[in-house]
Amino acid sequence: MLTAGKRLAVFSIREGKGGSIWVRAGSAFVNKDGSLNVLLDVLPLDGKLHVREAAEKRDTATVGGRYASELSLESSPVGGHS
């Protein structure tokens, strides 16, 4: 339930070879009137965002059950940069 002061996590979900890749895109906060303030650190490539209640300690993105920090460069989507 969305109550005032609740902290939410904002993700961009991309489909990769090994499954879904959840990238933390920012945070959101519920206002007293039930509206949301969304603070983005990145912009999604496809224009879609997923908002859910923030977990206590595990707001880290996962890939097929793995933390995003465990990904190698080969399995991460790269935008043509070397």
PDB file of N, CA and C in Angstrom:
ATOM      1  N   MET A   1       0.837  -1.183   0.000  1.00  0.00           N
ATOM      2  CA  MET A   1       0.000   0.000   0.000  1.00  0.00           C
ATOM      3  C   MET A   1       0.881   1.246   0.000  1.00  0.00           C
ATOM      4  N   LEU A   2       0.482   2.224  -0.751  1.00  0.00           N
ATOM      5  CA  LEU A   2       1.249   3.461  -0.830  1.00  0.00           C
ATOM      6  C   LEU A   2       0.792   4.422   0.255  1.00  0.00           C
ATOM      7  N   THR A   3       1.680   4.666   1.229  1.00  0.00           N
ATOM      8  CA  THR A   3       1.388   5.596   2.304  1.00  0.00           C
ATOM      9  C   THR A   3       2.434   6.701   2.295  1.00  0.00           C
ATOM     10  N   ALA A   4       2.073   7.857   2.810  1.00  0.00           N
ATOM     11  CA  ALA A   4       2.973   9.009   2.817  1.00  0.00           C
ATOM     12  C   ALA A   4       4.304   8.649   3.468  1.00  0.00           C
ATOM     13  N   GLY A   5       5.389   9.064   2.833  1.00  0.00           N
ATOM     14  CA  GLY A   5       6.720   8.816   3.352  1.00  0.00           C
ATOM     15  C   GLY A   5       7.328   7.500   2.905  1.00  0.00           C
ATOM     16  N   LYS A   6       6.537   6.637   2.253  1.00  0.00           N
ATOM     17  CA  LYS A   6       7.061   5.346   1.809  1.00  0.00           C
ATOM     18  C   LYS A   6       8.101   5.550   0.723  1.00  0.00           C
ATOM     19  N   ARG A   7       9.195   4.797   0.817  1.00  0.00           N
ATOM     20  CA  ARG A   7      10.276   4.860  -0.162  1.00  0.00           C
ATOM     21  C   ARG A   7      10.074   3.744  -1.175  1.00  0.00           C
ATOM     22  N   LEU A   8      10.205   4.085  -2.450  1.00  0.00           N
ATOM     23  CA  LEU A   8      10.031   3.122  -3.528  1.00  0.00           C
ATOM     24  C   LEU A   8      11.299   3.064  -4.371  1.00  0.00           C
ATOM     25  N   ALA A   9      11.523   1.935  -5.009  1.00  0.00           N
ATOM     26  CA  ALA A   9      12.661   1.775  -5.911  1.00  0.00           C
ATOM     27  C   ALA A   9      12.150   1.821  -7.342  1.00  0.00           C
ATOM     28  N   VAL A  10      12.917   2.465  -8.230  1.00  0.00           N
ATOM     29  CA  VAL A  10      12.544   2.589  -9.633  1.00  0.00           C
ATOM     30  C   VAL A  10      13.578   1.817 -10.456  1.00  0.00           C
ATOM     31  N   PHE A  11      13.095   0.922 -11.331  1.00  0.00           N
ATOM     32  CA  PHE A  11      13.963   0.089 -12.147  1.00  0.00           C
ATOM     33  C   PHE A  11      13.616   0.208 -13.620  1.00  0.00           C
ATOM     34  N   SER A  12      14.621  -0.030 -14.456  1.00  0.00           N
ATOM     35  CA  SER A  12      14.424  -0.244 -15.882  1.00  0.00           C
ATOM     36  C   SER A  12      14.744  -1.716 -16.100  1.00  0.00           C
ATOM     37  N   ILE A  13      13.816  -2.468 -16.692  1.00  0.00           N
ATOM     38  CA  ILE A  13      14.002  -3.903 -16.883  1.00  0.00           C
ATOM     39  C   ILE A  13      14.270  -4.176 -18.349  1.00  0.00           C
ATOM     40  N   ARG A  14      15.428  -4.761 -18.629  1.00  0.00           N
ATOM     41  CA  ARG A  14      15.823  -5.082 -19.998  1.00  0.00           C
ATOM     42  C   ARG A  14      15.898  -6.598 -20.136  1.00  0.00           C
ATOM     43  N   GLU A  15      15.495  -7.110 -21.274  1.00  0.00           N
ATOM     44  CA  GLU A  15      15.603  -8.539 -21.537  1.00  0.00           C
ATOM     45  C   GLU A  15      16.968  -8.824 -22.135  1.00  0.00           C
ATOM     46  N   GLY A  16      17.716  -9.728 -21.522  1.00  0.00           N
ATOM     47  CA  GLY A  16      19.037 -10.101 -21.999  1.00  0.00           C
ATOM     48  C   GLY A  16      19.086 -11.584 -22.324  1.00  0.00           C
ATOM     49  N   LYS A  17      20.230 -12.059 -22.768  1.00  0.00           N
ATOM     50  CA  LYS A  17      20.393 -13.467 -23.132  1.00  0.00           C
ATOM     51  C   LYS A  17      20.198 -14.389 -21.930  1.00  0.00           C
ATOM     52  N   GLY A  18      20.619 -13.935 -20.756  1.00  0.00           N
ATOM     53  CA  GLY A  18      20.518 -14.757 -19.555  1.00  0.00           C
ATOM     54  C   GLY A  18      19.266 -14.504 -18.746  1.00  0.00           C
ATOM     55  N   GLY A  19      18.327 -13.722 -19.249  1.00  0.00           N
ATOM     56  CA  GLY A  19      17.104 -13.401 -18.520  1.00  0.00           C
ATOM     57  C   GLY A  19      16.918 -11.900 -18.402  1.00  0.00           C
ATOM     58  N   SER A  20      16.086 -11.506 -17.485  1.00  0.00           N
ATOM     59  CA  SER A  20      15.806 -10.088 -17.281  1.00  0.00           C
ATOM     60  C   SER A  20      16.944  -9.409 -16.529  1.00  0.00           C
ATOM     61  N   ILE A  21      17.276  -8.208 -16.952  1.00  0.00           N
ATOM     62  CA  ILE A  21      18.311  -7.415 -16.294  1.00  0.00           C
ATOM     63  C   ILE A  21      17.616  -6.220 -15.652  1.00  0.00           C
ATOM     64  N   TRP A  22      17.675  -6.153 -14.334  1.00  0.00           N
ATOM     65  CA  TRP A  22      17.051  -5.065 -13.597  1.00  0.00           C
ATOM     66  C   TRP A  22      18.109  -4.020 -13.287  1.00  0.00           C
ATOM     67  N   VAL A  23      17.926  -2.818 -13.810  1.00  0.00           N
ATOM     68  CA  VAL A  23      18.858  -1.726 -13.582  1.00  0.00           C
ATOM     69  C   VAL A  23      18.185  -0.695 -12.689  1.00  0.00           C
ATOM     70  N   ARG A  24      18.803  -0.397 -11.555  1.00  0.00           N
ATOM     71  CA  ARG A  24      18.231   0.597 -10.645  1.00  0.00           C
ATOM     72  C   ARG A  24      18.301   1.962 -11.322  1.00  0.00           C
ATOM     73  N   ALA A  25      17.148   2.571 -11.564  1.00  0.00           N
ATOM     74  CA  ALA A  25      17.080   3.841 -12.286  1.00  0.00           C
ATOM     75  C   ALA A  25      16.903   5.027 -11.351  1.00  0.00           C
ATOM     76  N   GLY A  26      16.503   4.779 -10.101  1.00  0.00           N
ATOM     77  CA  GLY A  26      16.313   5.875  -9.165  1.00  0.00           C
ATOM     78  C   GLY A  26      15.415   5.483  -8.005  1.00  0.00           C
ATOM     79  N   SER A  27      14.790   6.488  -7.398  1.00  0.00           N
ATOM     80  CA  SER A  27      13.917   6.288  -6.242  1.00  0.00           C
ATOM     81  C   SER A  27      12.643   7.103  -6.409  1.00  0.00           C
ATOM     82  N   ALA A  28      11.633   6.737  -5.642  1.00  0.00           N
ATOM     83  CA  ALA A  28      10.385   7.493  -5.634  1.00  0.00           C
ATOM     84  C   ALA A  28       9.896   7.574  -4.191  1.00  0.00           C
ATOM     85  N   PHE A  29       9.153   8.623  -3.901  1.00  0.00           N
ATOM     86  CA  PHE A  29       8.628   8.837  -2.564  1.00  0.00           C
ATOM     87  C   PHE A  29       7.155   9.209  -2.663  1.00  0.00           C
ATOM     88  N   VAL A  30       6.357   8.662  -1.742  1.00  0.00           N
ATOM     89  CA  VAL A  30       4.924   8.936  -1.723  1.00  0.00           C
ATOM     90  C   VAL A  30       4.674  10.207  -0.915  1.00  0.00           C
ATOM     91  N   ASN A  31       3.919  11.139  -1.486  1.00  0.00           N
ATOM     92  CA  ASN A  31       3.553  12.385  -0.816  1.00  0.00           C
ATOM     93  C   ASN A  31       2.309  12.195   0.040  1.00  0.00           C
ATOM     94  N   LYS A  32       2.004  13.182   0.878  1.00  0.00           N
ATOM     95  CA  LYS A  32       0.836  13.115   1.762  1.00  0.00           C
ATOM     96  C   LYS A  32      -0.462  12.918   0.998  1.00  0.00           C
ATOM     97  N   ASP A  33      -0.555  13.478  -0.214  1.00  0.00           N
ATOM     98  CA  ASP A  33      -1.790  13.366  -0.994  1.00  0.00           C
ATOM     99  C   ASP A  33      -1.832  12.106  -1.860  1.00  0.00           C
ATOM    100  N   GLY A  34      -0.840  11.198  -1.709  1.00  0.00           N
ATOM    101  CA  GLY A  34      -0.815   9.953  -2.464  1.00  0.00           C
ATOM    102  C   GLY A  34      -0.084  10.049  -3.798  1.00  0.00           C
ATOM    103  N   SER A  35       0.337  11.245  -4.195  1.00  0.00           N
ATOM    104  CA  SER A  35       1.090  11.400  -5.436  1.00  0.00           C
ATOM    105  C   SER A  35       2.534  10.954  -5.207  1.00  0.00           C
ATOM    106  N   LEU A  36       3.294  10.852  -6.282  1.00  0.00           N
ATOM    107  CA  LEU A  36       4.677  10.383  -6.198  1.00  0.00           C
ATOM    108  C   LEU A  36       5.661  11.431  -6.682  1.00  0.00           C
ATOM    109  N   ASN A  37       6.799  11.500  -6.038  1.00  0.00           N
ATOM    110  CA  ASN A  37       7.962  12.213  -6.551  1.00  0.00           C
ATOM    111  C   ASN A  37       8.923  11.147  -7.030  1.00  0.00           C
ATOM    112  N   VAL A  38       9.349  11.208  -8.285  1.00  0.00           N
ATOM    113  CA  VAL A  38      10.263  10.226  -8.851  1.00  0.00           C
ATOM    114  C   VAL A  38      11.583  10.920  -9.150  1.00  0.00           C
ATOM    115  N   LEU A  39      12.660  10.382  -8.601  1.00  0.00           N
ATOM    116  CA  LEU A  39      13.997  10.929  -8.790  1.00  0.00           C
ATOM    117  C   LEU A  39      14.804   9.921  -9.593  1.00  0.00           C
ATOM    118  N   LEU A  40      15.125  10.254 -10.848  1.00  0.00           N
ATOM    119  CA  LEU A  40      15.833   9.330 -11.720  1.00  0.00           C
ATOM    120  C   LEU A  40      17.318   9.645 -11.764  1.00  0.00           C
ATOM    121  N   ASP A  41      18.130   8.584 -11.695  1.00  0.00           N
ATOM    122  CA  ASP A  41      19.574   8.701 -11.848  1.00  0.00           C
ATOM    123  C   ASP A  41      19.980   8.392 -13.287  1.00  0.00           C
ATOM    124  N   VAL A  42      19.138   7.635 -13.995  1.00  0.00           N
ATOM    125  CA  VAL A  42      19.372   7.268 -15.395  1.00  0.00           C
ATOM    126  C   VAL A  42      18.041   7.317 -16.131  1.00  0.00           C
ATOM    127  N   LEU A  43      18.100   7.340 -17.443  1.00  0.00           N
ATOM    128  CA  LEU A  43      16.892   7.282 -18.256  1.00  0.00           C
ATOM    129  C   LEU A  43      16.810   5.919 -18.933  1.00  0.00           C
ATOM    130  N   PRO A  44      15.632   5.307 -18.959  1.00  0.00           N
ATOM    131  CA  PRO A  44      15.510   4.000 -19.603  1.00  0.00           C
ATOM    132  C   PRO A  44      15.590   4.134 -21.124  1.00  0.00           C
ATOM    133  N   LEU A  45      16.200   3.149 -21.771  1.00  0.00           N
ATOM    134  CA  LEU A  45      16.327   3.169 -23.228  1.00  0.00           C
ATOM    135  C   LEU A  45      14.987   2.983 -23.925  1.00  0.00           C
ATOM    136  N   ASP A  46      14.086   2.211 -23.316  1.00  0.00           N
ATOM    137  CA  ASP A  46      12.800   1.923 -23.951  1.00  0.00           C
ATOM    138  C   ASP A  46      11.661   2.792 -23.433  1.00  0.00           C
ATOM    139  N   GLY A  47      11.953   3.713 -22.515  1.00  0.00           N
ATOM    140  CA  GLY A  47      10.922   4.604 -21.993  1.00  0.00           C
ATOM    141  C   GLY A  47      10.041   3.991 -20.926  1.00  0.00           C
ATOM    142  N   LYS A  48      10.341   2.763 -20.490  1.00  0.00           N
ATOM    143  CA  LYS A  48       9.514   2.084 -19.482  1.00  0.00           C
ATOM    144  C   LYS A  48      10.243   2.035 -18.151  1.00  0.00           C
ATOM    145  N   LEU A  49       9.486   2.264 -17.079  1.00  0.00           N
ATOM    146  CA  LEU A  49      10.022   2.177 -15.730  1.00  0.00           C
ATOM    147  C   LEU A  49       9.142   1.265 -14.890  1.00  0.00           C
ATOM    148  N   HIS A  50       9.739   0.599 -13.932  1.00  0.00           N
ATOM    149  CA  HIS A  50       9.023  -0.284 -13.011  1.00  0.00           C
ATOM    150  C   HIS A  50       9.250   0.273 -11.613  1.00  0.00           C
ATOM    151  N   VAL A  51       8.169   0.533 -10.869  1.00  0.00           N
ATOM    152  CA  VAL A  51       8.259   1.089  -9.515  1.00  0.00           C
ATOM    153  C   VAL A  51       7.716   0.054  -8.544  1.00  0.00           C
ATOM    154  N   ARG A  52       8.485  -0.225  -7.489  1.00  0.00           N
ATOM    155  CA  ARG A  52       8.028  -1.157  -6.460  1.00  0.00           C
ATOM    156  C   ARG A  52       8.551  -0.721  -5.104  1.00  0.00           C
ATOM    157  N   GLU A  53       7.971  -1.285  -4.048  1.00  0.00           N
ATOM    158  CA  GLU A  53       8.432  -0.943  -2.712  1.00  0.00           C
ATOM    159  C   GLU A  53       9.901  -1.302  -2.590  1.00  0.00           C
ATOM    160  N   ALA A  54      10.667  -0.417  -1.988  1.00  0.00           N
ATOM    161  CA  ALA A  54      12.097  -0.651  -1.813  1.00  0.00           C
ATOM    162  C   ALA A  54      12.313  -1.704  -0.745  1.00  0.00           C
ATOM    163  N   ALA A  55      13.189  -2.648  -1.031  1.00  0.00           N
ATOM    164  CA  ALA A  55      13.530  -3.681  -0.054  1.00  0.00           C
ATOM    165  C   ALA A  55      14.438  -3.067   1.001  1.00  0.00           C
ATOM    166  N   GLU A  56      14.487  -3.692   2.151  1.00  0.00           N
ATOM    167  CA  GLU A  56      15.307  -3.187   3.249  1.00  0.00           C
ATOM    168  C   GLU A  56      16.778  -3.042   2.854  1.00  0.00           C
ATOM    169  N   LYS A  57      17.408  -4.147   2.455  1.00  0.00           N
ATOM    170  CA  LYS A  57      18.830  -4.112   2.148  1.00  0.00           C
ATOM    171  C   LYS A  57      19.134  -4.588   0.738  1.00  0.00           C
ATOM    172  N   ARG A  58      18.158  -5.128   0.022  1.00  0.00           N
ATOM    173  CA  ARG A  58      18.445  -5.754  -1.259  1.00  0.00           C
ATOM    174  C   ARG A  58      17.753  -5.031  -2.404  1.00  0.00           C
ATOM    175  N   ASP A  59      18.110  -3.766  -2.614  1.00  0.00           N
ATOM    176  CA  ASP A  59      17.601  -2.985  -3.737  1.00  0.00           C
ATOM    177  C   ASP A  59      18.516  -3.124  -4.943  1.00  0.00           C
ATOM    178  N   THR A  60      19.444  -4.078  -4.892  1.00  0.00           N
ATOM    179  CA  THR A  60      20.401  -4.256  -5.968  1.00  0.00           C
ATOM    180  C   THR A  60      19.723  -4.979  -7.124  1.00  0.00           C
ATOM    181  N   ALA A  61      20.023  -4.562  -8.337  1.00  0.00           N
ATOM    182  CA  ALA A  61      19.453  -5.197  -9.513  1.00  0.00           C
ATOM    183  C   ALA A  61      19.928  -6.638  -9.608  1.00  0.00           C
ATOM    184  N   THR A  62      19.083  -7.501 -10.175  1.00  0.00           N
ATOM    185  CA  THR A  62      19.443  -8.904 -10.332  1.00  0.00           C
ATOM    186  C   THR A  62      19.295  -9.324 -11.778  1.00  0.00           C
ATOM    187  N   VAL A  63      20.047 -10.331 -12.146  1.00  0.00           N
ATOM    188  CA  VAL A  63      19.973 -10.907 -13.480  1.00  0.00           C
ATOM    189  C   VAL A  63      19.852 -12.404 -13.304  1.00  0.00           C
ATOM    190  N   GLY A  64      18.697 -12.960 -13.643  1.00  0.00           N
ATOM    191  CA  GLY A  64      18.520 -14.394 -13.502  1.00  0.00           C
ATOM    192  C   GLY A  64      18.883 -14.886 -12.112  1.00  0.00           C
ATOM    193  N   GLY A  65      18.569 -14.093 -11.091  1.00  0.00           N
ATOM    194  CA  GLY A  65      18.881 -14.457  -9.726  1.00  0.00           C
ATOM    195  C   GLY A  65      20.250 -14.002  -9.260  1.00  0.00           C
ATOM    196  N   ARG A  66      21.039 -13.374 -10.135  1.00  0.00           N
ATOM    197  CA  ARG A  66      22.370 -12.896  -9.763  1.00  0.00           C
ATOM    198  C   ARG A  66      22.332 -11.386  -9.599  1.00  0.00           C
ATOM    199  N   TYR A  67      23.193 -10.871  -8.715  1.00  0.00           N
ATOM    200  CA  TYR A  67      23.311  -9.428  -8.565  1.00  0.00           C
ATOM    201  C   TYR A  67      23.955  -8.840  -9.811  1.00  0.00           C
ATOM    202  N   ALA A  68      23.548  -7.656 -10.181  1.00  0.00           N
ATOM    203  CA  ALA A  68      24.101  -6.999 -11.366  1.00  0.00           C
ATOM    204  C   ALA A  68      25.596  -6.768 -11.211  1.00  0.00           C
ATOM    205  N   SER A  69      26.086  -6.601  -9.994  1.00  0.00           N
ATOM    206  CA  SER A  69      27.508  -6.364  -9.778  1.00  0.00           C
ATOM    207  C   SER A  69      28.347  -7.589 -10.116  1.00  0.00           C
ATOM    208  N   GLU A  70      27.722  -8.785 -10.216  1.00  0.00           N
ATOM    209  CA  GLU A  70      28.439 -10.008 -10.551  1.00  0.00           C
ATOM    210  C   GLU A  70      28.570 -10.201 -12.051  1.00  0.00           C
ATOM    211  N   LEU A  71      27.939  -9.351 -12.846  1.00  0.00           N
ATOM    212  CA  LEU A  71      27.980  -9.500 -14.291  1.00  0.00           C
ATOM    213  C   LEU A  71      29.354  -9.179 -14.840  1.00  0.00           C
ATOM    214  N   SER A  72      29.749  -9.915 -15.840  1.00  0.00           N
ATOM    215  CA  SER A  72      30.982  -9.560 -16.539  1.00  0.00           C
ATOM    216  C   SER A  72      30.636  -8.590 -17.648  1.00  0.00           C
ATOM    217  N   LEU A  73      31.621  -7.949 -18.214  1.00  0.00           N
ATOM    218  CA  LEU A  73      31.371  -6.998 -19.288  1.00  0.00           C
ATOM    219  C   LEU A  73      30.758  -7.678 -20.500  1.00  0.00           C
ATOM    220  N   GLU A  74      31.100  -8.970 -20.739  1.00  0.00           N
ATOM    221  CA  GLU A  74      30.557  -9.664 -21.899  1.00  0.00           C
ATOM    222  C   GLU A  74      29.045  -9.848 -21.795  1.00  0.00           C
ATOM    223  N   SER A  75      28.516 -10.025 -20.582  1.00  0.00           N
ATOM    224  CA  SER A  75      27.087 -10.279 -20.434  1.00  0.00           C
ATOM    225  C   SER A  75      26.279  -9.012 -20.228  1.00  0.00           C
ATOM    226  N   SER A  76      26.949  -7.883 -20.035  1.00  0.00           N
ATOM    227  CA  SER A  76      26.253  -6.615 -19.847  1.00  0.00           C
ATOM    228  C   SER A  76      25.997  -5.956 -21.190  1.00  0.00           C
ATOM    229  N   PRO A  77      24.801  -5.347 -21.357  1.00  0.00           N
ATOM    230  CA  PRO A  77      24.558  -4.623 -22.609  1.00  0.00           C
ATOM    231  C   PRO A  77      25.483  -3.418 -22.700  1.00  0.00           C
ATOM    232  N   VAL A  78      26.127  -3.246 -23.826  1.00  0.00           N
ATOM    233  CA  VAL A  78      27.057  -2.142 -24.017  1.00  0.00           C
ATOM    234  C   VAL A  78      26.626  -1.357 -25.220  1.00  0.00           C
ATOM    235  N   GLY A  79      26.646  -0.050 -25.109  1.00  0.00           N
ATOM    236  CA  GLY A  79      26.176   0.809 -26.188  1.00  0.00           C
ATOM    237  C   GLY A  79      27.240   1.188 -27.181  1.00  0.00           C
ATOM    238  N   GLY A  80      28.134   0.282 -27.549  1.00  0.00           N
ATOM    239  CA  GLY A  80      29.104   0.553 -28.577  1.00  0.00           C
ATOM    240  C   GLY A  80      30.356   1.266 -28.101  1.00  0.00           C
ATOM    241  N   HIS A  81      30.528   1.388 -26.791  1.00  0.00           N
ATOM    242  CA  HIS A  81      31.721   2.049 -26.262  1.00  0.00           C
ATOM    243  C   HIS A  81      32.797   1.019 -26.006  1.00  0.00           C
ATOM    244  N   SER A  82      34.055   1.400 -26.156  1.00  0.00           N
ATOM    245  CA  SER A  82      35.133   0.455 -25.869  1.00  0.00           C
ATOM    246  C   SER A  82      35.913   0.868 -24.653  1.00  0.00           C
TER     247      SER A  82
END
